[in-house]
């Protein structure tokens, strides 16, 4: 049998996959922020951005990964509009 391919659109697949990310990691902050930008027309946008801010509170200070993730979150705030 061959591999079955997921035919859902990439954004839908990403929205489903984000729940498996390690909470508080720089990867989760970056992924949530990028998803919030991409989903700005969807109801999930605000909760994704809020989750990114919550995850960012647990980032290790002084690493380039944290800086990159926080810059991505700042971009999301700018593009979406911080509340």
C-alpha atoms as a PDB file:
ATOM      1  CA  UNK A   1       0.000   0.000   0.000  1.00  0.00           C
ATOM      2  CA  UNK A   2       1.179   3.470  -0.806  1.00  0.00           C
ATOM      3  CA  UNK A   3       1.330   6.439   1.492  1.00  0.00           C
ATOM      4  CA  UNK A   4      -1.840   8.385   2.026  1.00  0.00           C
ATOM      5  CA  UNK A   5      -1.406  12.105   1.517  1.00  0.00           C
ATOM      6  CA  UNK A   6      -3.194  14.711   3.572  1.00  0.00           C
ATOM      7  CA  UNK A   7      -5.231  16.686   1.078  1.00  0.00           C
ATOM      8  CA  UNK A   8      -6.312  19.422   3.500  1.00  0.00           C
ATOM      9  CA  UNK A   9      -5.061  22.954   2.832  1.00  0.00           C
ATOM     10  CA  UNK A  10      -1.735  23.769   4.547  1.00  0.00           C
ATOM     11  CA  UNK A  11      -3.252  26.324   6.942  1.00  0.00           C
ATOM     12  CA  UNK A  12      -5.851  23.823   8.134  1.00  0.00           C
ATOM     13  CA  UNK A  13      -3.165  21.192   8.660  1.00  0.00           C
ATOM     14  CA  UNK A  14      -1.000  23.666  10.572  1.00  0.00           C
ATOM     15  CA  UNK A  15      -3.894  24.696  12.801  1.00  0.00           C
ATOM     16  CA  UNK A  16      -4.421  21.040  13.730  1.00  0.00           C
ATOM     17  CA  UNK A  17      -0.708  20.337  14.218  1.00  0.00           C
ATOM     18  CA  UNK A  18      -0.022  23.283  16.528  1.00  0.00           C
ATOM     19  CA  UNK A  19      -1.605  21.505  19.498  1.00  0.00           C
ATOM     20  CA  UNK A  20       1.310  19.061  19.509  1.00  0.00           C
ATOM     21  CA  UNK A  21       3.988  21.704  20.077  1.00  0.00           C
ATOM     22  CA  UNK A  22       5.945  21.824  23.315  1.00  0.00           C
ATOM     23  CA  UNK A  23       4.464  24.615  25.416  1.00  0.00           C
ATOM     24  CA  UNK A  24       6.836  27.463  26.218  1.00  0.00           C
ATOM     25  CA  UNK A  25       9.413  26.565  23.597  1.00  0.00           C
ATOM     26  CA  UNK A  26      10.747  29.109  21.137  1.00  0.00           C
ATOM     27  CA  UNK A  27       9.413  26.888  18.368  1.00  0.00           C
ATOM     28  CA  UNK A  28       5.900  27.096  19.770  1.00  0.00           C
ATOM     29  CA  UNK A  29       6.071  30.895  20.104  1.00  0.00           C
ATOM     30  CA  UNK A  30       7.277  31.291  16.528  1.00  0.00           C
ATOM     31  CA  UNK A  31       4.789  28.813  15.099  1.00  0.00           C
ATOM     32  CA  UNK A  32       1.831  30.309  16.986  1.00  0.00           C
ATOM     33  CA  UNK A  33       2.784  33.837  15.936  1.00  0.00           C
ATOM     34  CA  UNK A  34       3.127  32.849  12.276  1.00  0.00           C
ATOM     35  CA  UNK A  35      -0.160  30.984  12.389  1.00  0.00           C
ATOM     36  CA  UNK A  36      -1.877  33.999  13.945  1.00  0.00           C
ATOM     37  CA  UNK A  37      -0.657  36.137  11.027  1.00  0.00           C
ATOM     38  CA  UNK A  38      -1.865  33.614   8.466  1.00  0.00           C
ATOM     39  CA  UNK A  39      -5.180  33.115  10.262  1.00  0.00           C
ATOM     40  CA  UNK A  40      -5.968  36.800  10.803  1.00  0.00           C
ATOM     41  CA  UNK A  41      -9.261  36.424   8.936  1.00  0.00           C
ATOM     42  CA  UNK A  42     -10.262  33.389  11.010  1.00  0.00           C
ATOM     43  CA  UNK A  43     -11.823  33.214  14.481  1.00  0.00           C
ATOM     44  CA  UNK A  44      -8.729  31.362  15.792  1.00  0.00           C
ATOM     45  CA  UNK A  45      -6.475  34.392  15.219  1.00  0.00           C
ATOM     46  CA  UNK A  46      -6.855  36.003  18.651  1.00  0.00           C
ATOM     47  CA  UNK A  47      -6.464  32.748  20.557  1.00  0.00           C
ATOM     48  CA  UNK A  48      -3.332  31.863  18.569  1.00  0.00           C
ATOM     49  CA  UNK A  49      -1.762  35.245  19.332  1.00  0.00           C
ATOM     50  CA  UNK A  50      -2.760  34.973  23.003  1.00  0.00           C
ATOM     51  CA  UNK A  51      -1.235  31.492  23.173  1.00  0.00           C
ATOM     52  CA  UNK A  52       1.988  32.826  21.603  1.00  0.00           C
ATOM     53  CA  UNK A  53       2.193  35.573  24.248  1.00  0.00           C
ATOM     54  CA  UNK A  54       1.599  33.052  27.017  1.00  0.00           C
ATOM     55  CA  UNK A  55       4.251  30.717  25.622  1.00  0.00           C
ATOM     56  CA  UNK A  56       6.681  33.636  25.241  1.00  0.00           C
ATOM     57  CA  UNK A  57       6.550  34.270  28.988  1.00  0.00           C
ATOM     58  CA  UNK A  58       8.393  30.985  29.502  1.00  0.00           C
ATOM     59  CA  UNK A  59      11.211  31.570  27.029  1.00  0.00           C
ATOM     60  CA  UNK A  60      14.809  31.338  28.176  1.00  0.00           C
ATOM     61  CA  UNK A  61      16.326  34.829  28.170  1.00  0.00           C
ATOM     62  CA  UNK A  62      19.405  35.643  26.151  1.00  0.00           C
ATOM     63  CA  UNK A  63      19.243  33.031  23.406  1.00  0.00           C
ATOM     64  CA  UNK A  64      19.077  33.808  19.717  1.00  0.00           C
ATOM     65  CA  UNK A  65      16.145  31.439  19.425  1.00  0.00           C
ATOM     66  CA  UNK A  66      14.177  33.470  21.964  1.00  0.00           C
ATOM     67  CA  UNK A  67      15.050  36.716  20.202  1.00  0.00           C
ATOM     68  CA  UNK A  68      13.900  35.290  16.884  1.00  0.00           C
ATOM     69  CA  UNK A  69      10.653  34.003  18.393  1.00  0.00           C
ATOM     70  CA  UNK A  70       9.936  37.313  20.129  1.00  0.00           C
ATOM     71  CA  UNK A  71      10.628  39.227  16.910  1.00  0.00           C
ATOM     72  CA  UNK A  72       8.143  36.969  15.149  1.00  0.00           C
ATOM     73  CA  UNK A  73       5.601  37.653  17.884  1.00  0.00           C
ATOM     74  CA  UNK A  74       6.188  41.407  17.557  1.00  0.00           C
ATOM     75  CA  UNK A  75       5.539  41.093  13.809  1.00  0.00           C
ATOM     76  CA  UNK A  76       2.286  39.272  14.531  1.00  0.00           C
ATOM     77  CA  UNK A  77       1.235  42.038  16.908  1.00  0.00           C
ATOM     78  CA  UNK A  78       1.961  44.648  14.238  1.00  0.00           C
ATOM     79  CA  UNK A  79       0.229  42.810  11.402  1.00  0.00           C
ATOM     80  CA  UNK A  80      -2.797  41.774  13.400  1.00  0.00           C
ATOM     81  CA  UNK A  81      -2.977  44.776  15.667  1.00  0.00           C
ATOM     82  CA  UNK A  82      -2.129  44.416  19.322  1.00  0.00           C
ATOM     83  CA  UNK A  83      -5.051  44.745  21.682  1.00  0.00           C
END
